[in-house]
Protein backbone atom coordinates (compact mmCIF):
# COMPACT_ATOMS: atom_id res chain seq x y z
CA MET A 1 0.00 0.00 0.00
CA LYS A 2 2.85 2.35 0.91
CA LYS A 3 4.39 1.74 -2.53
CA ILE A 4 1.12 2.67 -4.23
CA TYR A 5 0.92 5.92 -2.27
CA CYS A 6 4.52 6.71 -3.18
CA LEU A 7 3.79 6.05 -6.86
CA LEU A 8 0.71 8.28 -6.76
CA PHE A 9 2.75 11.02 -5.08
CA VAL A 10 5.44 10.85 -7.76
CA ILE A 11 2.81 10.98 -10.54
CA ALA A 12 1.13 13.96 -8.89
CA LEU A 13 4.48 15.72 -8.44
CA VAL A 14 5.38 15.23 -12.11
CA ALA A 15 1.97 16.47 -13.18
CA CYS A 16 2.35 19.61 -11.06
CA GLN A 17 5.78 20.25 -12.49
CA LYS A 18 4.59 20.01 -16.10
CA LYS A 19 5.10 23.35 -17.75
CA ASN A 20 2.26 25.47 -19.00
CA LYS A 21 2.22 26.00 -22.75
CA HIS A 22 3.24 29.64 -22.48
CA GLN A 23 6.13 28.65 -20.21
CA GLU A 24 7.40 26.30 -22.91
CA ILE A 25 7.08 29.13 -25.43
CA ASN A 26 9.03 31.45 -23.16
CA GLU A 27 11.89 28.96 -22.87
CA LEU A 28 12.01 28.55 -26.65
CA PHE A 29 12.07 32.33 -27.01
CA LYS A 30 14.92 32.78 -24.54
CA ALA A 31 16.93 30.05 -26.26
CA ASP A 32 16.50 31.88 -29.56
CA ILE A 33 17.71 35.14 -27.97
CA THR A 34 20.86 33.34 -26.86
CA LEU A 35 21.37 32.03 -30.40
CA LEU A 36 20.86 35.52 -31.83
CA ILE A 37 23.43 37.01 -29.47
CA GLN A 38 25.91 34.37 -30.61
CA LYS A 39 25.22 35.09 -34.28
CA VAL A 40 25.82 38.82 -33.82
CA ALA A 41 29.01 38.15 -31.85
CA LYS A 42 30.23 35.94 -34.70
CA LEU A 43 29.45 38.69 -37.20
CA LYS A 44 31.31 41.26 -35.13
CA TYR A 45 34.34 38.97 -34.85
CA SER A 46 34.35 38.47 -38.63
CA VAL A 47 34.43 42.23 -39.17
CA GLN A 48 37.15 42.75 -36.56
CA SER A 49 39.29 39.95 -38.05
CA ASP A 50 38.89 41.30 -41.59
CA SER A 51 37.05 38.33 -43.03
CA THR A 52 36.06 38.43 -46.69
CA GLU A 53 33.13 40.50 -47.87
CA ALA A 54 31.23 37.32 -48.74
CA GLN A 55 31.73 35.89 -45.23
CA ILE A 56 30.63 39.10 -43.53
CA GLN A 57 27.55 39.43 -45.73
CA ARG A 58 26.59 35.79 -45.20
CA GLN A 59 26.92 36.10 -41.43
CA PHE A 60 24.82 39.26 -41.45
CA LEU A 61 22.05 37.41 -43.29
CA GLU A 62 22.26 34.54 -40.81
CA ALA A 63 22.09 36.96 -37.87
CA HIS A 64 19.13 38.88 -39.26
CA GLN A 65 17.26 35.67 -40.02
CA SER A 66 18.01 34.61 -36.46
CA TYR A 67 16.32 37.81 -35.30
CA LYS A 68 13.17 36.65 -37.09
CA LYS A 69 12.99 33.79 -34.57
CA VAL A 70 12.61 36.24 -31.67
CA GLU A 71 10.76 39.03 -33.47
CA MET A 72 7.27 37.74 -32.66
CA ILE A 73 7.62 37.84 -28.87
CA SER A 74 10.18 40.66 -28.83
CA GLU A 75 7.90 43.03 -30.76
CA TYR A 76 4.93 42.02 -28.64
CA TYR A 77 6.48 42.56 -25.20
CA SER A 78 9.42 44.87 -25.87
CA PRO A 79 8.56 47.13 -28.86
CA THR A 80 10.98 49.89 -27.83
CA VAL A 81 13.94 47.53 -27.59
CA SER A 82 12.86 45.80 -30.79
CA LYS A 83 12.86 49.10 -32.62
CA ALA A 84 16.44 49.73 -31.47
CA ILE A 85 17.37 46.28 -32.78
CA ASN A 86 15.54 46.28 -36.11
CA GLY A 87 14.00 49.70 -36.72
CA PRO A 88 14.27 51.72 -39.96
CA ALA A 89 17.64 53.31 -40.71
CA ILE A 90 16.13 56.80 -40.45
CA SER A 91 16.67 59.38 -37.70
CA GLU A 92 13.67 60.07 -35.51
CA PHE A 93 12.57 63.23 -33.76
CA GLU A 94 11.53 62.85 -30.12
CA GLU A 95 8.60 65.26 -29.78
CA ASN A 96 8.75 65.48 -25.98
CA ASP A 97 12.48 66.09 -25.69
CA LYS A 98 12.84 68.04 -28.96
CA ILE A 99 15.90 66.03 -29.98
CA THR A 100 16.77 64.03 -33.09
CA VAL A 101 17.80 60.45 -32.37
CA PRO A 102 20.02 58.67 -34.93
CA PRO A 103 18.99 55.19 -36.08
CA GLU A 104 20.65 52.00 -34.89
CA GLY A 105 20.36 48.27 -35.36
CA PHE A 106 20.27 45.75 -38.18
CA GLN A 107 19.08 48.12 -40.91
CA VAL A 108 21.89 50.59 -40.24
CA ILE A 109 24.38 47.71 -40.31
CA GLU A 110 22.85 46.37 -43.52
CA GLU A 111 23.61 49.65 -45.29
CA LEU A 112 27.25 49.41 -44.19
CA ILE A 113 27.66 45.87 -45.55
CA PHE A 114 25.50 45.83 -48.70
CA PRO A 115 25.63 46.00 -51.62
CA LYS A 116 29.41 46.33 -51.18
CA TYR A 117 31.39 46.32 -47.95
CA ASN A 118 33.92 49.15 -47.77
CA THR A 119 36.66 48.43 -45.24
CA GLU A 120 36.86 52.16 -44.56
CA SER A 121 33.54 51.71 -42.75
CA LYS A 122 35.03 49.08 -40.42
CA LYS A 123 35.27 51.33 -37.37
CA GLU A 124 31.69 52.55 -37.74
CA LEU A 125 30.47 49.02 -38.41
CA VAL A 126 32.17 47.60 -35.30
CA GLN A 127 30.65 50.43 -33.27
CA GLU A 128 27.15 49.73 -34.61
CA LEU A 129 27.57 46.02 -33.92
CA GLY A 130 28.56 46.88 -30.37
CA VAL A 131 25.38 48.94 -29.96
CA LEU A 132 23.35 46.06 -31.41
CA ALA A 133 24.97 43.60 -29.02
CA ALA A 134 24.14 45.89 -26.10
CA ASN A 135 20.51 46.12 -27.20
CA LEU A 136 20.31 42.34 -27.49
CA THR A 137 21.63 42.03 -23.94
CA ARG A 138 18.96 44.53 -22.96
CA LEU A 139 16.33 42.39 -24.69
CA GLU A 140 17.58 39.31 -22.86
CA LYS A 141 17.29 41.14 -19.56
CA VAL A 142 13.80 42.61 -20.04
CA SER A 143 12.54 39.30 -21.47
CA SER A 144 13.43 37.52 -18.24
CA THR A 145 10.40 39.17 -16.65
CA ASN A 146 7.89 38.54 -19.45
CA GLU A 147 4.60 37.27 -18.09
CA LEU A 148 3.34 35.27 -21.04
CA THR A 149 -0.12 33.78 -21.15
CA ASP A 150 -1.64 31.48 -23.75
CA ALA A 151 -3.86 34.35 -24.90
CA HIS A 152 -0.87 36.63 -25.42
CA VAL A 153 1.02 33.99 -27.38
CA PHE A 154 -1.87 33.38 -29.79
CA ASP A 155 -2.30 37.12 -30.16
CA ALA A 156 1.41 37.46 -30.93
CA MET A 157 1.28 34.60 -33.47
CA ARG A 158 -1.50 36.22 -35.49
CA LEU A 159 0.19 39.62 -35.28
CA GLN A 160 3.34 38.00 -36.66
CA VAL A 161 1.35 36.72 -39.63
CA TYR A 162 0.16 40.30 -40.20
CA ARG A 163 3.71 41.61 -39.76
CA MET A 164 4.92 39.12 -42.35
CA ILE A 165 2.25 40.33 -44.82
CA THR A 166 2.73 44.06 -44.27
CA LEU A 167 6.40 44.52 -43.37
CA GLY A 168 8.10 41.22 -44.14
CA ILE A 169 7.46 40.25 -47.75
CA THR A 170 7.29 43.94 -48.78
CA GLY A 171 10.98 44.44 -47.97
CA PHE A 172 10.38 47.02 -45.24
CA ASP A 173 13.10 45.73 -42.93
CA SER A 174 15.44 44.38 -45.60
CA PRO A 175 15.59 47.50 -47.78
CA VAL A 176 19.01 47.01 -49.36
CA VAL A 177 19.64 43.29 -49.71
CA PHE A 178 15.96 42.26 -50.13
CA ASN A 179 16.34 39.03 -48.17
CA SER A 180 12.67 39.25 -47.24
CA ILE A 181 11.47 35.91 -48.57
CA PRO A 182 14.00 33.70 -46.70
CA GLU A 183 13.25 35.77 -43.59
CA ALA A 184 9.52 35.17 -44.05
CA LEU A 185 10.31 31.46 -44.06
CA VAL A 186 11.99 31.79 -40.64
CA SER A 187 8.99 33.72 -39.31
CA LEU A 188 6.63 31.04 -40.57
CA GLU A 189 8.72 28.25 -39.07
CA THR A 190 8.76 30.04 -35.71
CA ILE A 191 4.98 30.45 -35.67
CA GLU A 192 4.70 26.74 -36.46
CA LYS A 193 7.12 25.85 -33.66
CA TYR A 194 4.95 27.71 -31.14
CA TYR A 195 1.70 26.36 -32.58
CA ARG A 196 2.89 22.77 -32.20
CA VAL A 197 3.41 23.36 -28.49
CA PHE A 198 -0.31 24.03 -28.10
CA ILE A 199 -1.54 21.04 -30.08
CA GLU A 200 0.95 18.39 -28.95
CA ASP A 201 -1.40 16.96 -26.30
CA ASN A 202 -4.70 18.60 -27.31
CA LYS A 203 -7.24 17.35 -29.81
CA VAL A 204 -7.90 20.26 -32.14
CA SER A 205 -10.24 19.70 -35.08
CA ASN A 206 -8.37 21.98 -37.47
CA ALA A 207 -4.82 21.15 -36.37
CA LYS A 208 -4.06 19.07 -39.47
CA GLU A 209 -5.46 21.80 -41.70
CA VAL A 210 -3.24 24.42 -40.05
CA LEU A 211 -0.16 22.19 -40.22
CA ASP A 212 -0.86 21.62 -43.91
CA ILE A 213 -0.91 25.39 -44.41
CA PHE A 214 2.48 25.64 -42.71
CA GLU A 215 3.86 22.98 -45.03
CA LYS A 216 2.39 24.64 -48.08
CA GLY A 217 3.82 28.00 -46.99
CA LYS A 218 7.30 26.64 -46.29
CA LYS A 219 7.38 24.81 -49.59
CA TYR A 220 6.28 27.92 -51.48
CA LEU A 221 8.77 30.22 -49.75
CA LYS A 222 11.64 27.80 -50.41
CA ALA A 223 10.74 27.47 -54.08
CA ASN A 224 10.18 31.19 -54.72
CA THR A 225 13.00 33.23 -53.22
CA ASN A 226 13.33 36.04 -55.77
CA PHE A 227 12.08 39.29 -54.24
CA ASN A 228 10.86 40.89 -57.47
CA THR A 229 9.05 37.86 -58.87
CA PHE A 230 7.54 36.57 -55.62
CA ASP A 231 3.76 36.23 -55.94
CA ARG A 232 2.56 38.09 -52.86
CA ALA A 233 -1.08 37.94 -53.93
CA PHE A 234 -0.96 34.15 -53.98
CA PHE A 235 0.96 33.96 -50.70
CA ILE A 236 -1.48 36.22 -48.86
CA ARG A 237 -4.68 34.68 -50.22
CA GLU A 238 -3.63 31.03 -50.18
CA ILE A 239 -1.28 30.87 -47.18
CA ALA A 240 -1.17 33.89 -44.83
CA ASN A 241 -4.92 34.57 -44.65
CA PRO A 242 -5.88 30.89 -44.22
CA LEU A 243 -3.17 30.63 -41.55
CA SER A 244 -4.46 33.56 -39.47
CA ARG A 245 -7.99 32.18 -39.78
CA GLY A 246 -6.72 28.76 -38.71
CA LEU A 247 -4.92 30.18 -35.67
CA HIS A 248 -8.10 32.04 -34.75
CA LYS A 249 -10.16 28.84 -34.94
CA THR A 250 -7.66 26.83 -32.90
CA GLN A 251 -7.57 29.52 -30.23
CA THR A 252 -11.37 29.48 -30.05
CA GLU A 253 -11.53 25.69 -29.83
CA LEU A 254 -8.92 25.59 -27.07
CA GLY A 255 -10.98 28.09 -25.09
CA ILE A 256 -8.14 30.61 -25.01
CA PRO A 257 -9.61 34.13 -24.68
CA PHE A 258 -8.93 36.93 -27.15
CA MET A 259 -7.53 40.26 -26.06
CA THR A 260 -10.22 42.75 -25.08
CA GLU A 261 -8.43 46.10 -25.24
CA SER A 262 -9.43 48.66 -27.85
CA ARG A 263 -7.03 48.53 -30.81
CA GLY A 264 -6.94 49.96 -34.30
CA LEU A 265 -6.78 46.39 -35.65
CA ARG A 266 -9.39 44.46 -33.71
CA PRO A 267 -7.87 41.59 -31.64
CA THR A 268 -10.77 39.39 -32.77
CA ALA A 269 -10.19 39.87 -36.52
CA GLN A 270 -9.61 36.59 -38.32
CA THR A 271 -7.52 38.22 -41.03
CA ILE A 272 -6.14 41.70 -41.55
CA PHE A 273 -8.41 41.98 -44.61
CA ASP A 274 -11.71 41.26 -42.83
CA LYS A 275 -14.41 43.79 -43.68
CA ASP A 276 -14.51 45.08 -40.09
CA ALA A 277 -10.93 44.29 -39.13
CA PHE A 278 -10.27 47.93 -38.21
CA ASP A 279 -12.06 49.79 -35.46
CA PRO A 280 -12.46 53.53 -36.15
CA GLU A 281 -13.42 54.07 -32.52
CA ALA A 282 -9.98 52.86 -31.42
CA PHE A 283 -8.42 55.65 -33.47
CA SER A 284 -10.64 58.35 -31.90
CA GLY A 285 -9.04 58.06 -28.49
CA PHE A 286 -11.82 59.16 -26.13
CA PRO A 287 -14.93 57.30 -24.90
CA ASP A 288 -17.13 60.41 -25.16
CA TYR A 289 -16.21 60.68 -28.86
CA LYS A 290 -18.00 57.38 -29.54
CA THR A 291 -19.75 57.39 -32.89
CA THR A 292 -23.51 56.76 -33.02
CA PRO A 293 -26.02 56.81 -35.92
CA GLU A 294 -27.55 59.97 -34.43
CA LYS A 295 -24.20 61.75 -34.31
CA ILE A 296 -23.44 60.69 -37.88
CA ALA A 297 -26.78 62.08 -39.16
CA LEU A 298 -26.24 65.34 -37.31
CA GLY A 299 -22.63 65.56 -38.46
CA LYS A 300 -23.64 65.09 -42.09
CA LYS A 301 -26.12 67.94 -41.82
CA LEU A 302 -23.52 70.22 -40.23
CA PHE A 303 -20.94 69.16 -42.84
CA ASN A 304 -23.22 70.46 -45.60
CA ASP A 305 -24.39 73.61 -43.80
CA PRO A 306 -22.61 76.97 -44.34
CA ILE A 307 -23.71 77.99 -40.85
CA LEU A 308 -20.24 76.95 -39.60
CA SER A 309 -18.41 79.52 -41.73
CA GLY A 310 -17.83 83.11 -40.72
CA ASN A 311 -19.88 84.61 -43.55
CA ASN A 312 -22.36 81.73 -43.99
CA THR A 313 -21.22 81.09 -47.58
CA ARG A 314 -19.06 77.99 -47.25
CA SER A 315 -19.63 74.53 -45.81
CA CYS A 316 -17.22 71.63 -45.36
CA ALA A 317 -18.82 70.11 -48.46
CA SER A 318 -17.78 73.15 -50.51
CA CYS A 319 -14.24 71.75 -50.66
CA HIS A 320 -14.94 68.06 -50.06
CA HIS A 321 -17.13 66.72 -52.85
CA GLU A 322 -18.52 63.26 -52.20
CA GLU A 323 -18.32 62.11 -55.83
CA LYS A 324 -14.60 62.90 -55.80
CA ALA A 325 -14.08 60.86 -52.61
CA PHE A 326 -14.42 64.11 -50.68
CA THR A 327 -11.76 66.11 -52.53
CA ASP A 328 -12.31 69.10 -54.82
CA GLY A 329 -10.32 68.33 -57.96
CA LEU A 330 -8.20 71.49 -57.62
CA GLU A 331 -4.44 71.82 -57.28
CA ARG A 332 -4.99 73.72 -54.06
CA ALA A 333 -8.23 74.70 -52.38
CA LEU A 334 -9.76 78.08 -53.16
CA SER A 335 -9.59 80.48 -50.22
CA LEU A 336 -12.73 81.91 -48.63
CA ASP A 337 -12.39 85.21 -50.49
CA GLY A 338 -12.57 83.34 -53.80
CA LYS A 339 -9.55 85.20 -55.13
CA SER A 340 -6.56 83.13 -54.06
CA MET A 341 -5.57 79.58 -53.20
CA ILE A 342 -4.65 78.19 -49.80
CA GLN A 343 -1.27 76.57 -49.30
CA ARG A 344 -2.08 72.90 -49.94
CA ASN A 345 -4.18 70.42 -51.86
CA THR A 346 -7.51 69.37 -50.34
CA PRO A 347 -7.10 65.84 -48.91
CA THR A 348 -9.67 63.09 -49.22
CA LEU A 349 -11.84 62.48 -46.17
CA ALA A 350 -12.68 58.94 -47.26
CA ASN A 351 -10.93 56.36 -45.07
CA ILE A 352 -8.89 58.94 -43.15
CA ALA A 353 -10.18 57.81 -39.75
CA PHE A 354 -7.56 55.05 -39.70
CA GLN A 355 -4.72 57.47 -39.01
CA ARG A 356 -3.03 58.81 -35.89
CA VAL A 357 -2.36 62.33 -37.20
CA PHE A 358 -4.07 64.71 -39.62
CA PHE A 359 -3.18 67.46 -42.09
CA SER A 360 -0.16 67.20 -44.36
CA ASP A 361 2.10 68.45 -41.58
CA SER A 362 0.64 66.07 -38.93
CA ARG A 363 -0.31 68.98 -36.69
CA VAL A 364 -3.36 67.44 -34.98
CA GLY A 365 -4.06 63.98 -33.61
CA TYR A 366 -7.87 63.66 -33.77
CA LEU A 367 -10.55 64.17 -36.40
CA GLU A 368 -12.46 66.51 -34.09
CA ASP A 369 -9.45 68.81 -33.85
CA GLN A 370 -8.99 68.72 -37.60
CA ALA A 371 -12.55 69.93 -38.11
CA VAL A 372 -12.05 72.77 -35.63
CA ALA A 373 -8.79 73.85 -37.26
CA VAL A 374 -10.43 74.10 -40.69
CA ILE A 375 -13.46 75.99 -39.39
CA LYS A 376 -11.32 78.53 -37.53
CA ASN A 377 -8.78 79.02 -40.34
CA GLU A 378 -9.33 82.50 -41.78
CA ASN A 379 -8.54 81.37 -45.34
CA GLU A 380 -10.77 78.29 -45.25
CA MET A 381 -13.97 78.97 -43.28
CA HIS A 382 -13.06 81.77 -40.84
CA GLY A 383 -15.74 80.59 -38.48
CA SER A 384 -16.29 80.39 -34.74
CA LEU A 385 -17.82 77.31 -33.16
CA GLU A 386 -18.99 79.46 -30.28
CA LYS A 387 -20.90 81.78 -32.61
CA SER A 388 -22.15 78.85 -34.68
CA ALA A 389 -23.50 77.22 -31.53
CA ILE A 390 -25.52 80.35 -30.74
CA ALA A 391 -26.99 80.38 -34.26
CA ILE A 392 -27.78 76.66 -34.13
CA GLN A 393 -29.58 77.03 -30.82
CA LYS A 394 -32.12 79.22 -32.59
CA ASP A 395 -33.04 76.49 -35.08
CA PRO A 396 -35.78 74.17 -33.70
CA ASN A 397 -34.80 71.31 -36.05
CA TYR A 398 -31.17 71.44 -34.97
CA VAL A 399 -32.25 71.54 -31.31
CA LYS A 400 -34.18 68.29 -31.82
CA GLU A 401 -31.32 66.61 -33.64
CA PHE A 402 -28.74 67.63 -31.03
CA LYS A 403 -31.07 66.25 -28.35
CA LYS A 404 -31.15 62.90 -30.20
CA ALA A 405 -27.39 62.78 -30.65
CA PHE A 406 -26.44 64.18 -27.24
CA PRO A 407 -29.04 63.30 -24.57
CA LYS A 408 -27.91 66.16 -22.34
CA GLY A 409 -29.25 68.47 -25.03
CA GLU A 410 -26.32 70.83 -25.01
CA ILE A 411 -25.21 72.66 -28.14
CA ASN A 412 -21.63 73.78 -27.77
CA GLU A 413 -18.21 73.46 -29.38
CA PHE A 414 -17.69 69.88 -28.23
CA GLU A 415 -21.00 68.59 -29.59
CA ILE A 416 -20.49 70.30 -32.95
CA LYS A 417 -16.95 69.02 -33.48
CA ASN A 418 -17.83 65.52 -32.21
CA ALA A 419 -20.78 65.29 -34.60
CA LEU A 420 -18.53 66.33 -37.50
CA GLY A 421 -15.84 63.88 -36.42
CA SER A 422 -18.41 61.09 -36.16
CA TYR A 423 -19.65 61.73 -39.69
CA ILE A 424 -16.13 61.76 -41.10
CA ARG A 425 -15.33 58.52 -39.23
CA SER A 426 -18.37 56.97 -40.88
CA LEU A 427 -16.72 57.56 -44.27
CA SER A 428 -14.02 55.03 -43.38
CA HIS A 429 -15.05 51.60 -44.54
CA TYR A 430 -13.32 49.41 -47.06
CA ASP A 431 -15.41 48.02 -49.88
CA SER A 432 -13.13 48.11 -52.90
CA LYS A 433 -12.34 45.40 -55.42
CA PHE A 434 -9.00 44.96 -53.65
CA ASP A 435 -10.76 44.20 -50.36
CA ARG A 436 -13.11 41.72 -51.97
CA TYR A 437 -10.17 40.12 -53.75
CA MET A 438 -8.35 39.57 -50.47
CA GLN A 439 -11.57 38.14 -49.05
CA ASN A 440 -11.69 35.64 -51.95
CA LYS A 441 -14.93 37.14 -53.28
CA VAL A 442 -13.69 38.31 -56.69
CA THR A 443 -10.75 37.73 -58.99
CA PHE A 444 -8.20 40.20 -60.32
CA THR A 445 -7.25 40.61 -63.95
CA ALA A 446 -3.69 39.58 -64.79
CA ASP A 447 -2.62 43.26 -64.81
CA GLU A 448 -4.31 44.03 -61.48
CA LYS A 449 -2.62 41.08 -59.82
CA ALA A 450 0.75 41.96 -61.31
CA GLY A 451 0.19 45.53 -60.18
CA PHE A 452 -0.41 44.46 -56.59
CA ASN A 453 2.74 42.36 -56.63
CA LEU A 454 4.66 45.39 -57.89
CA PHE A 455 3.04 47.65 -55.28
CA ALA A 456 4.08 45.32 -52.46
CA GLY A 457 7.40 44.39 -54.05
CA LYS A 458 9.60 45.89 -56.73
CA ALA A 459 7.91 49.33 -56.75
CA LYS A 460 8.32 49.59 -52.94
CA CYS A 461 4.99 51.43 -52.54
CA ALA A 462 3.90 49.28 -49.59
CA THR A 463 6.97 50.19 -47.52
CA CYS A 464 5.33 53.61 -46.95
CA HIS A 465 1.70 53.05 -47.97
CA PHE A 466 1.26 50.03 -45.74
CA ILE A 467 -1.29 47.43 -46.77
CA PRO A 468 -4.16 47.06 -46.28
CA LEU A 469 -4.86 50.68 -45.22
CA THR A 470 -2.42 52.05 -47.86
CA ASN A 471 -1.60 55.01 -45.62
CA GLY A 472 1.39 55.68 -43.36
CA THR A 473 -0.07 54.12 -40.20
CA VAL A 474 2.49 51.47 -39.27
CA PRO A 475 1.33 47.84 -38.97
CA PRO A 476 0.61 45.60 -37.26
CA ASN A 477 -0.08 47.75 -34.19
CA PHE A 478 -1.27 50.78 -36.19
CA ASP A 479 -0.43 53.17 -33.36
CA LYS A 480 1.73 55.65 -35.28
CA SER A 481 1.38 57.48 -38.60
CA GLU A 482 4.55 58.40 -40.46
CA SER A 483 5.60 61.28 -42.67
CA GLU A 484 8.16 61.17 -45.47
CA VAL A 485 10.52 63.49 -47.32
CA LEU A 486 9.94 62.88 -51.01
CA GLY A 487 11.35 65.97 -52.71
CA VAL A 488 8.15 67.01 -54.51
CA PRO A 489 8.70 69.63 -57.22
CA ASN A 490 6.60 72.69 -58.00
CA LYS A 491 5.23 73.70 -61.40
CA ASN A 492 8.58 75.26 -62.22
CA LYS A 493 10.25 71.87 -61.72
CA THR A 494 12.28 73.08 -58.74
CA LEU A 495 11.95 71.80 -55.18
CA ASP A 496 8.64 72.98 -53.73
CA GLY A 497 9.24 75.55 -50.99
CA ASP A 498 6.64 74.25 -48.54
CA LEU A 499 8.68 73.08 -45.53
CA GLY A 500 5.91 70.82 -44.23
CA LYS A 501 6.32 69.37 -40.75
CA PHE A 502 9.51 71.42 -40.17
CA VAL A 503 7.38 74.51 -39.49
CA LEU A 504 6.01 72.77 -36.40
CA THR A 505 9.05 70.89 -35.07
CA GLN A 506 11.99 72.94 -36.39
CA ALA A 507 13.80 69.59 -36.75
CA ALA A 508 16.11 69.47 -39.77
CA ILE A 509 14.97 65.93 -40.61
CA HIS A 510 11.44 67.29 -41.10
CA LYS A 511 12.27 69.84 -43.81
CA PHE A 512 9.89 69.10 -46.71
CA SER A 513 8.33 66.24 -44.70
CA PHE A 514 4.66 65.41 -45.25
CA LYS A 515 2.32 62.82 -43.82
CA THR A 516 1.93 59.68 -45.90
CA PRO A 517 -1.72 59.84 -47.03
CA THR A 518 -4.07 57.03 -47.89
CA ILE A 519 -4.16 56.14 -51.56
CA ARG A 520 -7.58 54.57 -51.24
CA ASN A 521 -9.83 55.98 -54.01
CA ILE A 522 -6.75 57.52 -55.63
CA ALA A 523 -8.31 57.25 -59.09
CA LEU A 524 -10.83 59.91 -57.97
CA THR A 525 -8.60 62.30 -56.03
CA ALA A 526 -6.40 63.99 -58.66
CA PRO A 527 -4.39 66.19 -58.71
CA TYR A 528 -1.76 64.63 -56.48
CA MET A 529 0.86 65.57 -53.85
CA HIS A 530 0.48 68.25 -51.18
CA ASN A 531 0.68 70.97 -53.84
CA GLY A 532 -1.34 69.25 -56.57
CA VAL A 533 1.62 69.36 -58.95
CA TYR A 534 0.83 66.06 -60.67
CA LYS A 535 -2.37 65.76 -62.68
CA THR A 536 -2.21 62.04 -63.44
CA LEU A 537 -1.20 58.79 -61.80
CA GLU A 538 1.24 58.25 -64.64
CA GLU A 539 3.13 61.38 -63.56
CA VAL A 540 3.17 60.21 -59.94
CA VAL A 541 4.55 56.80 -60.87
CA ASP A 542 7.25 58.43 -63.00
CA PHE A 543 8.28 60.62 -60.04
CA TYR A 544 8.78 57.61 -57.80
CA ASN A 545 10.36 55.57 -60.57
CA ASP A 546 13.04 58.26 -60.97
CA GLY A 547 13.92 58.27 -57.25
CA GLY A 548 11.95 61.27 -56.02
CA GLY A 549 13.53 64.68 -55.56
CA ILE A 550 17.10 63.41 -55.62
CA GLY A 551 16.34 61.61 -58.85
CA LEU A 552 15.20 64.95 -60.24
CA GLY A 553 18.52 66.48 -59.25
CA PHE A 554 17.52 68.27 -56.03
CA ASP A 555 19.99 68.63 -53.17
CA LEU A 556 17.96 66.88 -50.48
CA PRO A 557 20.17 65.06 -47.93
CA ASN A 558 17.23 64.22 -45.65
CA GLN A 559 15.10 62.52 -48.32
CA THR A 560 13.54 59.40 -46.82
CA LEU A 561 12.33 58.00 -50.14
CA PRO A 562 14.96 55.66 -51.59
CA GLU A 563 16.82 57.59 -54.26
CA ASP A 564 17.59 54.57 -56.45
CA LYS A 565 15.58 54.28 -59.63
CA LEU A 566 12.91 51.58 -59.55
CA ASN A 567 13.53 50.62 -63.18
CA LEU A 568 9.87 49.93 -63.85
CA THR A 569 9.05 49.04 -67.43
CA GLU A 570 6.23 50.82 -69.26
CA LYS A 571 4.10 47.68 -68.88
CA GLU A 572 4.82 47.53 -65.14
CA LYS A 573 3.75 51.17 -64.76
CA ILE A 574 0.44 50.34 -66.44
CA GLN A 575 0.00 47.31 -64.18
CA LEU A 576 0.76 49.32 -61.05
CA ILE A 577 -1.89 51.87 -61.97
CA ALA A 578 -4.34 49.09 -62.78
CA PHE A 579 -3.94 47.83 -59.22
CA MET A 580 -4.34 51.29 -57.70
CA LYS A 581 -7.66 51.64 -59.50
CA THR A 582 -8.92 48.57 -57.59
CA LEU A 583 -8.69 50.68 -54.41
CA THR A 584 -11.84 52.64 -55.32
CA ASP A 585 -14.69 51.96 -52.90
CA GLU A 586 -17.90 50.59 -54.40
CA ARG A 587 -19.97 53.54 -53.13
CA TYR A 588 -18.04 55.94 -55.37
CA LEU A 589 -18.19 53.65 -58.39
CA LYS A 590 -21.98 53.71 -58.11
CA MET A 591 -21.94 57.51 -58.34
CA ARG A 592 -20.16 57.54 -61.69
């Protein structure tokens, strides 16, 4: 009997000591950090010992691919450290401290090693590798306190699928050597490694289906390694989207909860291309800004009413025409006096809710504040919300509608701007051919498909106009909207004098910097650029194909757009434009 009790005790002890799934994941993650540190140390030694260019380049590729093994958990729990390790090789301005921070990490090192390694850069390269090593040690330290849960791991796995779609296969973090496809393979293998931990002793109905997707994906990535010819449309529709749906189903079946916090990309989305994958409320920032049908109806009425302008002659709709996706078709908007033009082109209001900043110079962070800024601007509407509120209070119909939208019945600046913001948020919904294509509801023509593959590949469009939003809001967290220095010319073919974001920050890196806008409905929103200098999409494509301002011969040391020519053929230009035309929402097509 005593032996039986002892045996039962041992069995119970072993059972208690069995690791939770997320604990197993954490150990795998830490082991991969150790491997990464070793790879970077080996690379640094090769540089210090003057190894051949080929050896140094090969070891860099091995080290960066090793980073892809830790990226999923590192980005999830330690985004700041991850940015220092693998962020863009572009200086960044710290708004709070008013200082410019130079870039560091793998992408800086990549530029020192590829396409040719110059031994004169050895000292700088060794220094950058030392900084990288220090940041990896920092990652190792902060990761020792990670409190993983099964829910967090599944969330991280699906986010890594989205990261692979939006930043991985587009070449965002391999901008010089374009090793994106082999790196996507490592990402996929890591997701599979974690997934197998969860199904090894659980019966999951779709486990075989998901494992088959992994196999299909690995096989495809191994067989198609050329960056320019890689079929991203096929990979997303046939591998990445089915995989994120499969992970979602497995998580549901295992009873693992989904994250509940408010995010731009809903934690419950099955794919990044779901019709309601993005939550406009999560971009608004404040609970009392919450959009309702009553606010939308009131906002639409206010949007079309000149009562908000100083002289009661201009409404928001005067410059934002619905049939033109809420633009006006002019190079630059006409000022209130009707005699001159304001500084910049009128931006589309369609699908702009999925951004973190507004105006070309990123000067406000919420739609409500954008509306106020336009109304108060003396050249645009020269209005006063305080005076408008007094006038509105005298209109019985408005009083009723404000009471419906705002139960307290108040009519003041907040209610007016919130109603306008709610209406503009309601204009953000994706129903284009591109969306339906990614949802497997329609097919693309051969040119449209080729155009998408160019957009997300050779033409490098998607490294700034991130899919699926096609604006500058950075995936997969979508918590920051970027601006870029392109070197846009004026009508005289010299560098346009508008300094953009620099006027606000006085940071040298922001001279001629403008927010990356959405290119949704771009076929309807000509002319293009902040100054309306280009009348056609063909002209825009030519500008990028030539390498932006530097390609035009401008002296622009802070240009963030790659200056190398894209070398697009005439056929590829046509295909690229064919794809961009699939970004038109169905509602606007019905108006034509």
